Amino acid sequence: MAGNDSIEDSGTAIAVIGMACRFPGAESCEQFWQNLQNGVESISFFSNQELRSAGVSDKLLGSSKYVKARGILKNVDLFDASFFNFSPREAEILDPQHRFFLECAWQALEIAGYDTERYAGLIGVYAGSSFSQYLLNLYSNPPIVDSVGGFQIMVANDKDHLVTRAAYKLNLRGPSVAVQTACSTSLVAVHLACQALLSGDCDIALAGGVSITIPEVSGYFYHEGGILSPDGHCRAFDTNAQGTVNGNGIGIVVLKCLEDALNDGDHIEAVILGSAVTNDGALRLGYTAPGVDGQANVIAAAQAIAGVSPNTIDYIETHGTGTPLGDSVECAALAQAFGSRSQASGKCAIGSVKTNIGHLDASAGVAGFIKTVLALKHKAIPPSLHFSRPGREVNFDGSPFYVNTQLTPWRSAKVRRAAVSSFGLGGTNAHVVLQSAPEIASTSSRRDWHLLLLSAKTSTGLEKMLSNLGVFVERHSEHNLADVAFTLATGRRRFAHRCMLVCRQPHDATAALQGRDLGRLCMSDLD
């Protein structure tokens, strides 16, 4: 496929057909993109009173090295337990990482337009999570442990059961594989999901990761020379870079072989041309240190598998932790992998989402992946924050790389190409090469009228769906209403609380939905 901008004939390309996320400051991919393009830093800085209320001691608060910052999520204590048929006690002992993963996986499949009860193919799931600090919280409450037993506590919180529980609750019959490679977990999961699709192990794959550390309202103790920043800001590649900041988040992407996605009429967000995974081995300063050769090898391998020249890649979403060692090693690896490409060959922008939302541990890689897909989709490269000039050990001289510091229109003659890196503590490296989605001519429906169908488990759930659909149709009037009607009819689970709307145009649907026109909304309750 080298030198070929067309991807429709490639049998190894993978389509991204759905995405769902909850990151600091964003409860959806759309909100995430708004924050990215506006250069928003979504790190929370806590007051002493907030931290005292969360149980932080005055002694810790009085330390000059205690940093009162973190990337947090909204409503981390909430869960729609009844929707997934959990009892109140089952929900109480379930790690929030598992709760959020279930909700996000369901949402991702809905966005992709697939109901697992009606889809005949195999759906796999590849993902990982961070260490369960909720487990420690449970064991500090002996009455709860005694009431359910240690085995149930383990099953509700252990990393092994994140993906298999999702497979059980969502009826996913493809491979269900827990992935654990520290910080690179979720991008390694994307790679493994691609391999499973290409080998025929499944027809659709979910891939991603989740990291939720509790209590959310908490800071951290700064250690000079460590990975964490002394002031709660991540300054990737900057002369003042001193580390990153922790954050919570979850991201899941839905993948399918491109050929199948095109044949099935799926909405394609972007295309994965190739991916690779390596380990640094022993060629580094220590077990926790990054290695230049290992990172360079994974970048070169992914480019070779994708069949693309480095000259055609316009943007790289880096691992970019903002540590002097990590940043300098990553820049050296990029220069080594890109070889003889020079500044004259064209510039290549780099950036790091960690400057926006912090380091999300097991979900860090998929956060960068989703950011890059959104950039390809919106034809713009968002700014990387807190950069003024390169760090002393960061050498951009003679290379095409520069840190992109403002929202930049992505102008490309034919296609837009980008890549994403994620490097795990312990040396497991992942790199993915992406390309903009193929241009597909829109088709107009020959029908004058369209039937929009909605259903939910509860009346309040149906009310929320009506609101969401009204907002979606208003904001995305460019979508063919016939496509919306088709997806609602075939790609959604059918529940007892139902609503039907007949409409002709998007503005017609918006008026009826937002105005709750009971003369036009046909409601029913099958309970």
Protein backbone atom coordinates (compact mmCIF):
# COMPACT_ATOMS: atom_id res chain seq x y z
CA MET A 1 0.00 0.00 0.00
CA ALA A 2 3.06 2.26 0.09
CA GLY A 3 2.63 5.52 -1.76
CA ASN A 4 -1.06 4.88 -2.33
CA ASP A 5 -3.43 7.43 -0.85
CA SER A 6 -6.43 5.22 -1.58
CA ILE A 7 -7.37 2.78 1.18
CA GLU A 8 -10.58 1.27 -0.13
CA ASP A 9 -8.70 -1.66 -1.73
CA SER A 10 -6.56 -2.46 1.31
CA GLY A 11 -7.48 -5.66 3.07
CA THR A 12 -5.64 -4.70 6.26
CA ALA A 13 -7.16 -1.29 7.04
CA ILE A 14 -9.44 -0.98 10.09
CA ALA A 15 -12.30 1.49 10.37
CA VAL A 16 -13.14 3.39 13.53
CA ILE A 17 -16.95 3.30 13.52
CA GLY A 18 -17.76 4.54 17.01
CA MET A 19 -16.19 6.23 20.05
CA ALA A 20 -17.29 7.03 23.57
CA CYS A 21 -15.37 8.71 26.37
CA ARG A 22 -15.49 10.45 29.71
CA PHE A 23 -12.44 12.54 30.38
CA PRO A 24 -11.74 15.40 32.79
CA GLY A 25 -13.98 18.27 31.72
CA ALA A 26 -15.76 16.20 29.05
CA GLU A 27 -18.60 13.67 29.19
CA SER A 28 -18.65 13.03 25.45
CA CYS A 29 -16.34 13.06 22.44
CA GLU A 30 -18.07 16.21 21.19
CA GLN A 31 -17.38 18.05 24.45
CA PHE A 32 -13.83 16.68 24.49
CA TRP A 33 -13.20 18.16 21.05
CA GLN A 34 -14.59 21.53 22.08
CA ASN A 35 -12.13 21.61 24.98
CA LEU A 36 -9.22 20.50 22.81
CA GLN A 37 -9.75 23.05 20.07
CA ASN A 38 -10.23 25.82 22.62
CA GLY A 39 -7.02 24.92 24.43
CA VAL A 40 -8.74 24.12 27.73
CA GLU A 41 -6.75 22.63 30.60
CA SER A 42 -9.22 20.39 32.47
CA ILE A 43 -7.23 19.88 35.66
CA SER A 44 -9.01 20.62 38.95
CA PHE A 45 -7.17 22.56 41.65
CA PHE A 46 -8.66 21.94 45.10
CA SER A 47 -9.04 24.23 48.07
CA ASN A 48 -7.87 23.17 51.52
CA GLN A 49 -11.50 22.90 52.63
CA GLU A 50 -12.36 20.54 49.75
CA LEU A 51 -9.40 18.36 50.60
CA ARG A 52 -10.15 18.36 54.34
CA SER A 53 -13.70 17.27 53.57
CA ALA A 54 -12.25 14.42 51.51
CA GLY A 55 -10.13 13.30 54.48
CA VAL A 56 -6.74 14.86 53.71
CA SER A 57 -4.88 15.69 56.91
CA ASP A 58 -3.81 19.20 57.88
CA LYS A 59 -0.23 17.95 58.13
CA LEU A 60 -0.26 16.93 54.48
CA LEU A 61 -2.01 20.14 53.45
CA GLY A 62 0.69 22.13 55.20
CA SER A 63 3.49 20.57 53.19
CA SER A 64 4.90 22.72 50.39
CA LYS A 65 5.40 19.55 48.34
CA TYR A 66 1.75 18.49 48.45
CA VAL A 67 0.21 19.37 45.07
CA LYS A 68 -3.55 19.95 45.23
CA ALA A 69 -4.41 19.06 41.66
CA ARG A 70 -5.94 16.22 39.65
CA GLY A 71 -7.97 15.52 36.53
CA ILE A 72 -11.36 14.29 37.75
CA LEU A 73 -14.66 13.04 36.31
CA LYS A 74 -18.21 14.15 37.03
CA ASN A 75 -20.56 11.86 38.97
CA VAL A 76 -18.02 9.13 39.58
CA ASP A 77 -20.25 7.88 42.40
CA LEU A 78 -23.28 7.37 40.14
CA PHE A 79 -24.22 4.22 38.19
CA ASP A 80 -27.35 3.07 36.36
CA ALA A 81 -27.35 -0.26 38.19
CA SER A 82 -30.88 -1.32 37.28
CA PHE A 83 -30.20 -0.83 33.56
CA PHE A 84 -27.55 -3.57 33.75
CA ASN A 85 -29.61 -5.69 36.17
CA PHE A 86 -27.39 -5.24 39.21
CA SER A 87 -28.85 -5.46 42.69
CA PRO A 88 -28.10 -2.51 45.00
CA ARG A 89 -25.53 -4.56 46.92
CA GLU A 90 -23.85 -5.81 43.73
CA ALA A 91 -23.58 -2.23 42.50
CA GLU A 92 -22.23 -1.07 45.86
CA ILE A 93 -19.25 -3.43 45.77
CA LEU A 94 -18.50 -2.96 42.04
CA ASP A 95 -15.38 -0.92 41.25
CA PRO A 96 -16.33 2.41 39.59
CA GLN A 97 -13.91 1.48 36.79
CA HIS A 98 -16.14 -1.51 35.97
CA ARG A 99 -19.30 0.60 36.24
CA PHE A 100 -18.03 3.28 33.88
CA PHE A 101 -16.69 0.69 31.47
CA LEU A 102 -20.11 -0.95 31.15
CA GLU A 103 -21.88 2.36 30.54
CA CYS A 104 -19.25 3.56 28.06
CA ALA A 105 -19.21 0.25 26.15
CA TRP A 106 -22.98 0.38 25.75
CA GLN A 107 -22.79 3.98 24.57
CA ALA A 108 -19.99 3.21 22.10
CA LEU A 109 -21.98 0.39 20.51
CA GLU A 110 -25.06 2.61 20.23
CA ILE A 111 -23.00 5.33 18.58
CA ALA A 112 -21.66 2.73 16.15
CA GLY A 113 -25.25 1.66 15.45
CA TYR A 114 -25.20 -1.93 16.69
CA ASP A 115 -27.56 -3.79 19.01
CA THR A 116 -25.77 -6.85 20.36
CA GLU A 117 -29.02 -8.81 20.60
CA ARG A 118 -29.69 -8.43 16.89
CA TYR A 119 -26.17 -8.40 15.45
CA ALA A 120 -25.34 -11.88 14.13
CA GLY A 121 -21.54 -11.47 14.08
CA LEU A 122 -18.99 -11.84 16.86
CA ILE A 123 -18.10 -8.78 18.94
CA GLY A 124 -14.84 -8.88 20.89
CA VAL A 125 -13.60 -6.62 23.66
CA TYR A 126 -9.98 -5.73 24.47
CA ALA A 127 -9.31 -3.37 27.37
CA GLY A 128 -7.63 -2.84 30.70
CA SER A 129 -7.95 -0.87 33.91
CA SER A 130 -5.80 0.56 36.68
CA PHE A 131 -5.24 -0.92 40.12
CA SER A 132 -8.49 -1.00 42.09
CA GLN A 133 -8.19 1.46 44.92
CA TYR A 134 -11.91 0.95 45.49
CA LEU A 135 -10.99 -2.54 46.71
CA LEU A 136 -8.95 -0.95 49.51
CA ASN A 137 -11.94 1.21 50.35
CA LEU A 138 -14.19 -1.86 50.63
CA TYR A 139 -11.78 -3.72 52.90
CA SER A 140 -11.79 -0.76 55.25
CA ASN A 141 -15.49 -1.54 55.80
CA PRO A 142 -15.59 -5.06 57.34
CA PRO A 143 -19.42 -5.30 57.56
CA ILE A 144 -19.69 -5.08 53.75
CA VAL A 145 -16.95 -7.66 53.24
CA ASP A 146 -18.53 -10.01 55.76
CA SER A 147 -21.97 -9.66 54.15
CA VAL A 148 -20.90 -10.75 50.66
CA GLY A 149 -17.62 -12.60 51.17
CA GLY A 150 -14.12 -12.10 49.85
CA PHE A 151 -14.72 -13.97 46.59
CA GLN A 152 -17.54 -11.67 45.45
CA ILE A 153 -15.47 -8.63 46.45
CA MET A 154 -12.59 -9.93 44.30
CA VAL A 155 -14.78 -10.62 41.26
CA ALA A 156 -16.33 -7.16 41.51
CA ASN A 157 -12.98 -5.35 41.57
CA ASP A 158 -10.20 -7.39 40.00
CA LYS A 159 -8.74 -6.32 36.63
CA ASP A 160 -9.36 -9.78 35.17
CA HIS A 161 -13.12 -9.30 35.26
CA LEU A 162 -13.43 -5.88 33.59
CA VAL A 163 -13.89 -7.16 30.05
CA THR A 164 -15.52 -10.51 30.81
CA ARG A 165 -18.20 -8.77 32.85
CA ALA A 166 -18.84 -6.46 29.89
CA ALA A 167 -19.08 -9.48 27.60
CA TYR A 168 -21.61 -11.07 29.96
CA LYS A 169 -23.75 -8.01 30.50
CA LEU A 170 -23.73 -6.89 26.84
CA ASN A 171 -23.85 -10.38 25.29
CA LEU A 172 -20.54 -10.06 23.44
CA ARG A 173 -19.56 -13.48 22.08
CA GLY A 174 -16.16 -12.71 20.55
CA PRO A 175 -12.81 -12.80 22.39
CA SER A 176 -12.80 -11.01 25.74
CA VAL A 177 -9.22 -10.12 26.63
CA ALA A 178 -7.91 -8.15 29.61
CA VAL A 179 -4.85 -6.11 28.61
CA GLN A 180 -2.32 -4.85 31.19
CA THR A 181 0.79 -2.98 30.04
CA ALA A 182 0.63 -0.02 32.45
CA CYS A 183 0.40 3.36 30.68
CA SER A 184 0.23 1.85 27.17
CA THR A 185 -2.63 -0.54 28.05
CA SER A 186 -5.41 1.02 26.01
CA LEU A 187 -3.37 1.61 22.83
CA VAL A 188 -2.04 -1.96 23.04
CA ALA A 189 -5.71 -2.98 23.32
CA VAL A 190 -6.42 -1.12 20.07
CA HIS A 191 -3.56 -2.99 18.38
CA LEU A 192 -4.75 -6.38 19.65
CA ALA A 193 -8.31 -5.62 18.57
CA CYS A 194 -7.05 -4.81 15.06
CA GLN A 195 -5.17 -8.12 14.96
CA ALA A 196 -8.27 -10.00 16.07
CA LEU A 197 -10.35 -8.40 13.31
CA LEU A 198 -7.75 -9.18 10.64
CA SER A 199 -7.42 -12.79 11.79
CA GLY A 200 -11.18 -13.31 11.80
CA ASP A 201 -11.49 -13.83 15.57
CA CYS A 202 -14.33 -11.30 15.61
CA ASP A 203 -16.33 -9.08 13.27
CA ILE A 204 -16.47 -5.99 15.50
CA ALA A 205 -14.15 -5.15 18.39
CA LEU A 206 -14.33 -2.77 21.33
CA ALA A 207 -10.97 -1.47 22.53
CA GLY A 208 -9.94 0.93 25.24
CA GLY A 209 -9.17 1.41 28.89
CA VAL A 210 -10.34 2.98 32.13
CA SER A 211 -8.57 4.52 35.10
CA ILE A 212 -10.50 5.83 38.09
CA THR A 213 -8.62 6.39 41.32
CA ILE A 214 -10.54 7.28 44.46
CA PRO A 215 -10.97 9.46 46.34
CA GLU A 216 -11.06 11.80 43.35
CA VAL A 217 -10.64 14.92 45.44
CA SER A 218 -7.02 14.37 46.37
CA GLY A 219 -3.59 15.66 45.53
CA TYR A 220 -0.18 14.03 45.47
CA PHE A 221 3.22 14.40 47.06
CA TYR A 222 5.86 15.84 44.75
CA HIS A 223 9.24 14.09 44.57
CA GLU A 224 12.02 15.89 42.72
CA GLY A 225 13.05 13.89 39.65
CA GLY A 226 9.84 11.86 39.73
CA ILE A 227 7.12 11.62 37.10
CA LEU A 228 4.71 14.09 38.73
CA SER A 229 4.81 17.87 38.30
CA PRO A 230 5.44 20.21 41.24
CA ASP A 231 2.54 22.52 40.33
CA GLY A 232 -0.15 20.35 38.69
CA HIS A 233 0.64 21.38 35.11
CA CYS A 234 2.07 19.15 32.38
CA ARG A 235 4.49 21.00 30.06
CA ALA A 236 5.38 18.39 27.47
CA PHE A 237 8.69 19.11 25.65
CA ASP A 238 9.02 22.54 27.28
CA THR A 239 12.10 23.94 28.95
CA ASN A 240 10.13 24.14 32.23
CA ALA A 241 8.83 20.56 32.03
CA GLN A 242 9.04 18.79 35.39
CA GLY A 243 6.48 16.04 35.08
CA THR A 244 2.81 15.29 34.57
CA VAL A 245 -0.34 15.24 36.71
CA ASN A 246 -2.67 12.32 37.40
CA GLY A 247 -6.16 12.09 35.99
CA ASN A 248 -9.17 9.80 35.73
CA GLY A 249 -10.84 8.82 32.48
CA ILE A 250 -12.25 6.19 30.18
CA GLY A 251 -12.27 5.81 26.42
CA ILE A 252 -13.64 3.04 24.17
CA VAL A 253 -13.50 2.80 20.39
CA VAL A 254 -15.47 0.47 18.11
CA LEU A 255 -13.45 -1.09 15.29
CA LYS A 256 -14.30 -3.05 12.15
CA CYS A 257 -12.42 -4.11 9.03
CA LEU A 258 -12.66 -1.22 6.57
CA GLU A 259 -13.95 -3.38 3.75
CA ASP A 260 -16.78 -4.66 5.94
CA ALA A 261 -17.56 -1.17 7.24
CA LEU A 262 -17.85 0.19 3.71
CA ASN A 263 -20.04 -2.72 2.61
CA ASP A 264 -22.29 -2.33 5.66
CA GLY A 265 -22.68 1.42 5.26
CA ASP A 266 -21.15 2.23 8.66
CA HIS A 267 -20.28 5.78 9.62
CA ILE A 268 -16.47 5.90 9.57
CA GLU A 269 -14.64 8.37 11.81
CA ALA A 270 -11.10 7.48 10.68
CA VAL A 271 -9.05 4.55 9.44
CA ILE A 272 -6.23 2.63 11.12
CA LEU A 273 -3.61 1.85 8.47
CA GLY A 274 -1.29 -0.12 10.73
CA SER A 275 -0.12 -0.64 14.29
CA ALA A 276 2.71 -2.30 16.18
CA VAL A 277 3.76 -3.23 19.72
CA THR A 278 7.30 -3.79 21.03
CA ASN A 279 9.22 -3.78 24.31
CA ASP A 280 12.41 -1.90 25.15
CA GLY A 281 14.07 -5.04 26.53
CA ALA A 282 17.21 -4.36 28.55
CA LEU A 283 18.58 -1.50 26.42
CA ARG A 284 17.67 1.33 28.80
CA LEU A 285 18.80 2.93 32.05
CA GLY A 286 16.49 0.84 34.23
CA TYR A 287 13.21 -1.07 34.35
CA THR A 288 11.09 2.08 34.69
CA ALA A 289 13.12 4.15 32.19
CA PRO A 290 12.13 4.54 28.52
CA GLY A 291 14.37 3.32 25.69
CA VAL A 292 15.16 5.13 22.44
CA ASP A 293 15.64 2.02 20.30
CA GLY A 294 12.46 0.32 21.49
CA GLN A 295 10.35 3.38 20.78
CA ALA A 296 11.99 3.99 17.40
CA ASN A 297 11.46 0.35 16.44
CA VAL A 298 7.74 0.39 17.20
CA ILE A 299 7.24 3.61 15.21
CA ALA A 300 9.13 2.22 12.22
CA ALA A 301 7.30 -1.11 12.44
CA ALA A 302 3.87 0.55 12.46
CA GLN A 303 4.80 2.69 9.46
CA ALA A 304 6.04 -0.40 7.58
CA ILE A 305 2.87 -2.34 8.36
CA ALA A 306 0.77 0.65 7.30
CA GLY A 307 2.79 0.91 4.10
CA VAL A 308 3.31 4.66 4.41
CA SER A 309 6.31 6.92 4.19
CA PRO A 310 7.13 9.11 7.23
CA ASN A 311 6.95 12.06 4.83
CA THR A 312 3.18 11.63 4.57
CA ILE A 313 2.50 11.92 8.32
CA ASP A 314 1.44 15.42 9.36
CA TYR A 315 0.85 14.99 13.10
CA ILE A 316 1.98 12.74 15.94
CA GLU A 317 0.12 12.49 19.22
CA THR A 318 3.05 11.70 21.50
CA HIS A 319 3.22 9.96 24.84
CA GLY A 320 4.43 13.37 26.07
CA THR A 321 4.56 13.06 29.86
CA GLY A 322 6.46 16.29 30.38
CA THR A 323 9.39 14.64 32.17
CA PRO A 324 12.84 15.75 30.98
CA LEU A 325 14.01 12.16 30.47
CA GLY A 326 10.81 10.91 28.84
CA ASP A 327 10.49 13.85 26.47
CA SER A 328 14.13 13.72 25.35
CA VAL A 329 14.00 9.96 24.74
CA GLU A 330 10.76 10.26 22.79
CA CYS A 331 12.13 13.04 20.55
CA ALA A 332 15.30 11.04 19.90
CA ALA A 333 13.20 7.99 19.01
CA LEU A 334 11.04 10.00 16.61
CA ALA A 335 14.11 11.42 14.89
CA GLN A 336 15.62 7.93 14.59
CA ALA A 337 12.40 6.41 13.23
CA PHE A 338 11.81 9.19 10.71
CA GLY A 339 15.38 8.79 9.49
CA SER A 340 16.43 11.05 6.65
CA ARG A 341 13.26 13.09 6.56
CA SER A 342 14.36 16.67 7.03
CA GLN A 343 12.69 20.00 7.57
CA ALA A 344 12.73 20.45 3.80
CA SER A 345 10.48 17.40 3.48
CA GLY A 346 7.73 19.20 5.31
CA LYS A 347 6.91 19.92 8.93
CA CYS A 348 5.35 17.38 11.30
CA ALA A 349 3.41 18.71 14.29
CA ILE A 350 3.50 16.95 17.65
CA GLY A 351 1.40 17.39 20.76
CA SER A 352 0.32 15.72 24.00
CA VAL A 353 -3.19 15.43 25.39
CA LYS A 354 -1.65 15.11 28.86
CA THR A 355 -1.22 18.89 28.84
CA ASN A 356 -5.05 19.10 28.74
CA ILE A 357 -6.29 16.28 30.97
CA GLY A 358 -3.27 14.83 32.72
CA HIS A 359 -1.91 11.29 32.60
CA LEU A 360 -4.81 8.82 32.61
CA ASP A 361 -2.69 5.72 33.22
CA ALA A 362 -4.47 2.70 31.65
CA SER A 363 -6.67 4.99 29.52
CA ALA A 364 -3.90 7.39 28.46
CA GLY A 365 -3.31 5.77 25.07
CA VAL A 366 -6.94 5.72 24.00
CA ALA A 367 -7.30 9.36 25.08
CA GLY A 368 -4.57 10.29 22.61
CA PHE A 369 -6.13 8.02 19.99
CA ILE A 370 -9.57 9.63 20.31
CA LYS A 371 -8.01 13.12 20.22
CA THR A 372 -6.24 12.25 16.97
CA VAL A 373 -9.34 10.74 15.35
CA LEU A 374 -11.27 13.91 16.22
CA ALA A 375 -8.50 16.06 14.72
CA LEU A 376 -8.60 14.05 11.49
CA LYS A 377 -12.38 14.30 11.41
CA HIS A 378 -12.52 18.05 12.03
CA LYS A 379 -9.53 18.83 9.79
CA ALA A 380 -7.73 20.75 12.53
CA ILE A 381 -4.79 20.12 14.85
CA PRO A 382 -5.55 21.31 18.41
CA PRO A 383 -2.93 23.09 20.52
CA SER A 384 -0.60 21.36 22.93
CA LEU A 385 -0.59 23.50 26.08
CA HIS A 386 2.13 25.09 28.24
CA PHE A 387 4.86 25.13 25.61
CA SER A 388 7.13 28.13 25.01
CA ARG A 389 10.51 26.72 23.92
CA PRO A 390 12.07 23.24 23.78
CA GLY A 391 13.70 21.75 26.84
CA ARG A 392 17.46 21.55 27.09
CA GLU A 393 17.53 17.83 26.23
CA VAL A 394 14.78 18.08 23.58
CA ASN A 395 16.46 18.48 20.21
CA PHE A 396 14.29 19.49 17.26
CA ASP A 397 17.25 20.76 15.21
CA GLY A 398 17.43 19.15 11.79
CA SER A 399 14.13 17.35 12.32
CA PRO A 400 10.67 18.11 10.94
CA PHE A 401 9.08 18.18 14.39
CA TYR A 402 7.58 21.14 16.18
CA VAL A 403 5.12 21.45 19.05
CA ASN A 404 1.80 22.74 17.75
CA THR A 405 0.64 25.52 20.10
CA GLN A 406 -2.48 26.83 18.39
CA LEU A 407 -5.54 25.46 16.62
CA THR A 408 -4.23 24.85 13.11
CA PRO A 409 -6.35 24.09 10.04
CA TRP A 410 -5.26 20.73 8.64
CA ARG A 411 -4.69 21.36 4.98
CA SER A 412 -3.71 18.35 2.93
CA ALA A 413 -3.85 17.80 -0.81
CA LYS A 414 -5.40 14.35 -0.64
CA VAL A 415 -5.61 12.63 2.74
CA ARG A 416 -4.64 13.51 6.29
CA ARG A 417 -2.36 11.11 8.15
CA ALA A 418 -1.39 11.02 11.79
CA ALA A 419 0.07 8.66 14.34
CA VAL A 420 -0.33 7.97 18.07
CA SER A 421 2.30 6.73 20.53
CA SER A 422 1.84 5.26 23.98
CA PHE A 423 4.70 3.90 26.07
CA GLY A 424 4.12 1.83 29.19
CA LEU A 425 6.08 1.74 32.42
CA GLY A 426 8.02 -1.50 32.02
CA GLY A 427 8.81 -0.89 28.37
CA THR A 428 5.80 -1.99 26.32
CA ASN A 429 5.44 0.47 23.43
CA ALA A 430 2.52 0.91 21.04
CA HIS A 431 2.21 3.02 17.89
CA VAL A 432 -0.77 3.39 15.56
CA VAL A 433 -0.88 5.07 12.12
CA LEU A 434 -4.20 6.72 11.23
CA GLN A 435 -5.70 8.27 8.12
CA SER A 436 -8.76 10.40 7.49
CA ALA A 437 -11.94 8.54 6.62
CA PRO A 438 -12.64 7.92 2.93
CA GLU A 439 -14.96 10.39 1.28
CA ILE A 440 -18.32 8.70 0.77
CA ALA A 441 -20.93 10.36 -1.39
CA SER A 442 -24.11 10.99 0.56
CA THR A 443 -27.31 9.54 -0.83
CA SER A 444 -30.66 11.23 -0.59
CA SER A 445 -33.72 9.30 0.52
CA ARG A 446 -36.63 8.92 -1.85
CA ARG A 447 -39.01 8.99 1.09
CA ASP A 448 -40.78 12.19 1.98
CA TRP A 449 -41.49 11.09 5.55
CA HIS A 450 -39.27 9.43 8.16
CA LEU A 451 -40.15 7.40 11.24
CA LEU A 452 -37.99 8.05 14.32
CA LEU A 453 -38.25 5.33 16.98
CA LEU A 454 -37.01 5.61 20.55
CA SER A 455 -37.29 3.29 23.55
CA ALA A 456 -35.92 3.10 27.08
CA LYS A 457 -36.21 0.99 30.22
CA THR A 458 -37.84 3.81 32.19
CA SER A 459 -39.97 6.86 31.50
CA THR A 460 -37.21 9.16 32.76
CA GLY A 461 -34.76 7.40 30.46
CA LEU A 462 -37.07 7.95 27.51
CA GLU A 463 -37.43 11.62 28.40
CA LYS A 464 -33.63 11.96 28.41
CA MET A 465 -33.41 10.24 25.03
CA LEU A 466 -35.95 12.63 23.55
CA SER A 467 -33.87 15.57 24.75
CA ASN A 468 -30.64 14.06 23.44
CA LEU A 469 -32.12 13.32 20.03
CA GLY A 470 -33.56 16.84 19.77
CA VAL A 471 -30.14 18.35 20.50
CA PHE A 472 -28.39 15.97 18.08
CA VAL A 473 -30.71 16.67 15.15
CA GLU A 474 -30.48 20.42 15.76
CA ARG A 475 -26.67 20.43 15.90
CA HIS A 476 -26.17 17.97 13.06
CA SER A 477 -28.71 18.94 10.44
CA GLU A 478 -26.17 17.84 7.81
CA HIS A 479 -26.97 14.20 8.62
CA ASN A 480 -29.46 12.49 6.36
CA LEU A 481 -32.66 12.04 8.37
CA ALA A 482 -33.20 8.69 6.66
CA ASP A 483 -29.88 7.48 8.12
CA VAL A 484 -30.93 8.65 11.58
CA ALA A 485 -34.24 6.81 11.25
CA PHE A 486 -32.51 3.63 10.05
CA THR A 487 -30.02 3.58 12.93
CA LEU A 488 -32.74 4.21 15.52
CA ALA A 489 -34.80 1.38 14.07
CA THR A 490 -32.06 -1.23 13.65
CA GLY A 491 -29.14 -0.24 15.89
CA ARG A 492 -30.89 0.27 19.22
CA ARG A 493 -32.20 -2.22 21.81
CA ARG A 494 -35.98 -2.28 22.13
CA PHE A 495 -37.34 -1.50 25.57
CA ALA A 496 -40.81 -1.14 27.10
CA HIS A 497 -41.10 2.67 27.20
CA ARG A 498 -41.43 3.79 23.59
CA CYS A 499 -41.93 6.86 21.46
CA MET A 500 -42.56 7.35 17.74
CA LEU A 501 -42.28 10.51 15.65
CA VAL A 502 -43.09 10.98 11.97
CA CYS A 503 -41.27 13.93 10.38
CA ARG A 504 -40.04 15.29 7.06
CA GLN A 505 -37.06 17.55 7.78
CA PRO A 506 -34.49 17.94 10.61
CA HIS A 507 -36.01 21.26 11.73
CA ASP A 508 -39.40 19.56 11.80
CA ALA A 509 -38.06 16.79 14.06
CA THR A 510 -36.25 19.28 16.31
CA ALA A 511 -39.39 21.36 16.85
CA ALA A 512 -41.46 18.30 17.81
CA LEU A 513 -38.80 16.82 20.09
CA GLN A 514 -37.78 19.98 21.90
CA GLY A 515 -41.34 21.24 22.18
CA ARG A 516 -42.64 17.82 23.32
CA ASP A 517 -45.48 18.13 20.80
CA LEU A 518 -47.81 15.47 22.19
CA GLY A 519 -49.93 15.79 19.09
CA ARG A 520 -47.05 14.36 17.10
CA LEU A 521 -45.16 12.21 19.61
CA CYS A 522 -46.82 8.82 19.95
CA MET A 523 -45.90 7.41 23.39
CA SER A 524 -46.52 3.89 24.71
CA ASP A 525 -45.63 1.85 27.77
CA LEU A 526 -45.51 -1.94 27.41
CA ASP A 527 -44.82 -2.61 31.10
